[in-house]
Amino acid sequence: MVGASPGGPHPSEAGHGVPCRPPRHEGHDQDQPLTEHRRDTDIERDFGVRFEKAWADPETGDVFCMSEAPSKEPVQPVHTKVGHRADAIYGLAISVE
């Protein structure tokens, strides 16, 4: 795949389209998604990932986030480093607008 490598250029600076990688988290309270999304974005460049957006369901505690990365592999280390390992990460190869 084409894209930035960990520690390399930020995906938005690499000049390539890169697949989206949405990790899913479970069991969060209402305030955690914003705090954890900010912690992800604070270190994303170190891993060549760009976190775009997060969604949460306060009733179930489910949280989903969308990110861009050269592959799904660098996404989990970001989440792990800031203390909220994703339950699942899905690689999406096709984007439709």
C-alpha atoms as a PDB file:
ATOM      1  CA  MET A   1       0.000   0.000   0.000  1.00  0.00           C
ATOM      2  CA  VAL A   2       1.006   3.542  -0.591  1.00  0.00           C
ATOM      3  CA  GLY A   3       1.205   5.979   2.292  1.00  0.00           C
ATOM      4  CA  ALA A   4       3.256   7.271   5.153  1.00  0.00           C
ATOM      5  CA  SER A   5       5.259   4.948   7.322  1.00  0.00           C
ATOM      6  CA  PRO A   6       5.355   5.227  11.116  1.00  0.00           C
ATOM      7  CA  GLY A   7       7.383   8.298  11.988  1.00  0.00           C
ATOM      8  CA  GLY A   8       7.195   9.469   8.365  1.00  0.00           C
ATOM      9  CA  PRO A   9       5.104  12.232   6.856  1.00  0.00           C
ATOM     10  CA  HIS A  10       1.597  12.732   8.139  1.00  0.00           C
ATOM     11  CA  PRO A  11      -0.864  10.980   5.755  1.00  0.00           C
ATOM     12  CA  SER A  12      -2.285  14.330   4.677  1.00  0.00           C
ATOM     13  CA  GLU A  13       1.228  15.495   3.723  1.00  0.00           C
ATOM     14  CA  ALA A  14       2.268  12.298   1.955  1.00  0.00           C
ATOM     15  CA  GLY A  15       0.377  13.225  -1.211  1.00  0.00           C
ATOM     16  CA  HIS A  16      -1.332   9.816  -1.438  1.00  0.00           C
ATOM     17  CA  GLY A  17      -4.794   8.556  -0.759  1.00  0.00           C
ATOM     18  CA  VAL A  18      -4.652   6.102   2.104  1.00  0.00           C
ATOM     19  CA  PRO A  19      -7.353   3.722   3.326  1.00  0.00           C
ATOM     20  CA  CYS A  20      -9.576   4.624   6.243  1.00  0.00           C
ATOM     21  CA  ARG A  21      -9.260   2.542   9.385  1.00  0.00           C
ATOM     22  CA  PRO A  22     -12.105   2.761  11.911  1.00  0.00           C
ATOM     23  CA  PRO A  23     -11.298   1.234  15.295  1.00  0.00           C
ATOM     24  CA  ARG A  24     -14.234   0.314  17.499  1.00  0.00           C
ATOM     25  CA  HIS A  25     -14.150   0.685  21.280  1.00  0.00           C
ATOM     26  CA  GLU A  26     -16.659  -0.638  23.789  1.00  0.00           C
ATOM     27  CA  GLY A  27     -17.596   0.297  27.310  1.00  0.00           C
ATOM     28  CA  HIS A  28     -16.891   4.037  27.357  1.00  0.00           C
ATOM     29  CA  ASP A  29     -18.773   6.622  29.357  1.00  0.00           C
ATOM     30  CA  GLN A  30     -20.144   9.815  27.829  1.00  0.00           C
ATOM     31  CA  ASP A  31     -17.064  11.995  28.435  1.00  0.00           C
ATOM     32  CA  GLN A  32     -14.334   9.600  27.342  1.00  0.00           C
ATOM     33  CA  PRO A  33     -14.603   9.770  23.512  1.00  0.00           C
ATOM     34  CA  LEU A  34     -13.575  13.437  23.219  1.00  0.00           C
ATOM     35  CA  THR A  35     -10.746  13.069  25.740  1.00  0.00           C
ATOM     36  CA  GLU A  36      -9.400   9.929  24.118  1.00  0.00           C
ATOM     37  CA  HIS A  37      -9.725  11.319  20.582  1.00  0.00           C
ATOM     38  CA  ARG A  38      -7.612  14.307  21.632  1.00  0.00           C
ATOM     39  CA  ARG A  39      -4.995  11.996  23.143  1.00  0.00           C
ATOM     40  CA  ASP A  40      -4.883  10.054  19.849  1.00  0.00           C
ATOM     41  CA  THR A  41      -4.412  13.227  17.808  1.00  0.00           C
ATOM     42  CA  ASP A  42      -1.627  14.411  20.120  1.00  0.00           C
ATOM     43  CA  ILE A  43       0.608  11.483  19.073  1.00  0.00           C
ATOM     44  CA  GLU A  44      -0.806  10.415  15.683  1.00  0.00           C
ATOM     45  CA  ARG A  45       2.095  11.888  13.681  1.00  0.00           C
ATOM     46  CA  ASP A  46       4.564   9.606  15.488  1.00  0.00           C
ATOM     47  CA  PHE A  47       2.794   6.625  13.913  1.00  0.00           C
ATOM     48  CA  GLY A  48       1.853   8.011  10.473  1.00  0.00           C
ATOM     49  CA  VAL A  49      -1.858   8.010  11.348  1.00  0.00           C
ATOM     50  CA  ARG A  50      -4.449  10.793  11.162  1.00  0.00           C
ATOM     51  CA  PHE A  51      -7.552  10.465  13.324  1.00  0.00           C
ATOM     52  CA  GLU A  52     -10.440  12.279  11.650  1.00  0.00           C
ATOM     53  CA  LYS A  53     -13.559  11.835  13.722  1.00  0.00           C
ATOM     54  CA  ALA A  54     -15.171   9.802  16.511  1.00  0.00           C
ATOM     55  CA  TRP A  55     -18.769   8.780  17.185  1.00  0.00           C
ATOM     56  CA  ALA A  56     -20.224   7.488  20.451  1.00  0.00           C
ATOM     57  CA  ASP A  57     -23.434   5.938  21.707  1.00  0.00           C
ATOM     58  CA  PRO A  58     -23.778   6.967  25.360  1.00  0.00           C
ATOM     59  CA  GLU A  59     -26.473   4.325  25.952  1.00  0.00           C
ATOM     60  CA  THR A  60     -24.286   1.376  24.947  1.00  0.00           C
ATOM     61  CA  GLY A  61     -20.863   2.908  25.522  1.00  0.00           C
ATOM     62  CA  ASP A  62     -19.815   1.985  21.982  1.00  0.00           C
ATOM     63  CA  VAL A  63     -17.323   4.320  20.308  1.00  0.00           C
ATOM     64  CA  PHE A  64     -16.165   4.278  16.691  1.00  0.00           C
ATOM     65  CA  CYS A  65     -13.473   6.430  15.162  1.00  0.00           C
ATOM     66  CA  MET A  66     -12.296   7.043  11.616  1.00  0.00           C
ATOM     67  CA  SER A  67      -8.653   7.418  10.768  1.00  0.00           C
ATOM     68  CA  GLU A  68      -6.348   7.448   7.763  1.00  0.00           C
ATOM     69  CA  ALA A  69      -3.215   5.327   7.764  1.00  0.00           C
ATOM     70  CA  PRO A  70      -1.016   3.434   5.303  1.00  0.00           C
ATOM     71  CA  SER A  71      -2.507   0.203   6.723  1.00  0.00           C
ATOM     72  CA  LYS A  72      -4.489  -0.796   9.796  1.00  0.00           C
ATOM     73  CA  GLU A  73      -1.381  -1.937  11.695  1.00  0.00           C
ATOM     74  CA  PRO A  74      -0.182   1.481  12.978  1.00  0.00           C
ATOM     75  CA  VAL A  75      -3.630   2.404  14.331  1.00  0.00           C
ATOM     76  CA  GLN A  76      -3.671   0.022  17.319  1.00  0.00           C
ATOM     77  CA  PRO A  77      -0.296   1.173  18.732  1.00  0.00           C
ATOM     78  CA  VAL A  78      -1.615   4.740  18.936  1.00  0.00           C
ATOM     79  CA  HIS A  79      -4.681   3.622  20.874  1.00  0.00           C
ATOM     80  CA  THR A  80      -2.600   1.334  23.078  1.00  0.00           C
ATOM     81  CA  LYS A  81      -0.050   4.030  23.888  1.00  0.00           C
ATOM     82  CA  VAL A  82      -2.718   6.441  25.128  1.00  0.00           C
ATOM     83  CA  GLY A  83      -4.488   3.717  27.094  1.00  0.00           C
ATOM     84  CA  HIS A  84      -7.540   2.628  25.110  1.00  0.00           C
ATOM     85  CA  ARG A  85      -6.831  -0.389  22.938  1.00  0.00           C
ATOM     86  CA  ALA A  86      -9.428  -0.848  20.181  1.00  0.00           C
ATOM     87  CA  ASP A  87     -11.581  -3.968  20.323  1.00  0.00           C
ATOM     88  CA  ALA A  88     -11.481  -4.211  16.523  1.00  0.00           C
ATOM     89  CA  ILE A  89      -9.919  -2.382  13.582  1.00  0.00           C
ATOM     90  CA  TYR A  90     -11.389  -2.712  10.104  1.00  0.00           C
ATOM     91  CA  GLY A  91      -9.430  -1.929   6.957  1.00  0.00           C
ATOM     92  CA  LEU A  92     -11.500  -0.289   4.237  1.00  0.00           C
ATOM     93  CA  ALA A  93     -10.074  -0.392   0.739  1.00  0.00           C
ATOM     94  CA  ILE A  94     -12.920   1.322  -1.138  1.00  0.00           C
ATOM     95  CA  SER A  95     -14.189   4.857  -0.595  1.00  0.00           C
ATOM     96  CA  VAL A  96     -17.409   6.091  -2.207  1.00  0.00           C
ATOM     97  CA  GLU A  97     -18.441   9.755  -2.194  1.00  0.00           C
END
